[in-house]
Each structure stands twice: as structure tokens, then as C-alpha cells.
Amino acid sequence: MHIPNAIQPAYLQSPASRPAPGRGHWGMVARLDALKDHATLLRAVPLVARRHPEFRLTFVGDGLLRPALEASIRELGVGDKVMLAGTIARPWELMSGWGGAVFSTGPQEGFGIAAAEAMAMGLPCVFTDLPVMREVGGDAVLYARPGSAESLAEQIDALITDTALAARLGQAAALRARECFSPPAFAAAYLRAFELSA
């Protein structure tokens, strides 16, 4: 029986208790390593910014790929659009100001707890279209073709442009996260597993 990790309760606070997010400020929380696909998301930034000059992207996390990403940011000329925030002790506080979240990753991804945490906050999300990410997001997020900056940009653009869609998916994401990945859901799954093994 597969039981996903539980998300921290801090990500489950009511959206009413958080400030209204800025639609053009998005982010991704993940280690800066080869398992993820930050490079494709970086290439999507200028594509999104063509239609939405206010677009900004924050990467939360640190890792061995930071120097390479810094070089890519310079090469793409998006230093005014992208911030590498490093490791943050309370990322939900920064995320509360985002208009949406992205989880761009590769085929070796295991679960994507940070993706579930973004969903729990009611953020409209775009994930890489991989089976493991479909397990996390279900029908509550939009999906982009693996390795395609164009596809990522199209999906981000759709959520920035269509505020009704963004609101609907944000609500659906929060509901799915509570039902599937909250501590009560985690505990209930373990109890079922114990009952089945008895």
C-alpha cells in the first residue's frame, strides 16, 4: 500500500488568513539539483514575460546547480525576473504572496512534497506532465510537456490570464491536498494499512 508523506500544517492555513497574492509573482520550491528541471522553467520565463511584463519567478531551495542556474539567468537576460531565494526556514510565508506555483521536474521524481504543499496553500499550479505528478495533482492542476519551455509558458500564461480558472484550480488544489496529503489523511491511511495487515 502506497502512503504519501503528510504536508506540514502550516501549509493548510485558511486562504482567508493570508494576504491576497500577486498574480504575476510565481515560484517553485525544490532542491537545485539534477533531479528537478529548473532549466526548462528558466527558459519559459522570457516567454511568459512577453505577454506579462510583470511576471516574476522565485526559486526557493539550494543545491549544487545554483552556479549553473545563475549563469543561465545571465545568459537569458532575466536577472530582473528571477530570484534565487536559497533555503528558507518558513517558505509558506513567502509563498503566500505568490500568484501561482510551478513544479518542473524530471522522470526520476519520487513524490514531490513541495508540489503538494503549494496545492495546500490554494495556489494555482503547473506541474510537469509525469505519472508521479499526476498522482499528486490529479485534475486540480495544469500540466506541461516534459522538457518544453513553450508548454510551461502556455500553462502559466493560461492561469495568469484566466483569473476564474486560476481561482477554481486553486480551490480544487487545496481541497485535494487536504483530502490526500494532510496529517489526518496520512494518519487514516496508516490506520487502514494496519487494519489490512491484521
Foldseek 3Di string as FASTA:
>chain_A
DDADAADDCVLQPDLVPFDAADQQEEEEEDAQDQQFCVVLQLVLVVVLCVVPVSHAYEYEAYDDCVVVVVVVCVVVVCPVRYYDPHHDPCVVNVLSRHQAYEGGGDQVDDAPSRVLSRLLNLHAYEYAPDPNVCVRQPPLHHYAHHSHSVRVSVRSNVCSVDVVSRNRSSVVSSVSSCCRRHPVNSVVVVVVVVVVVD
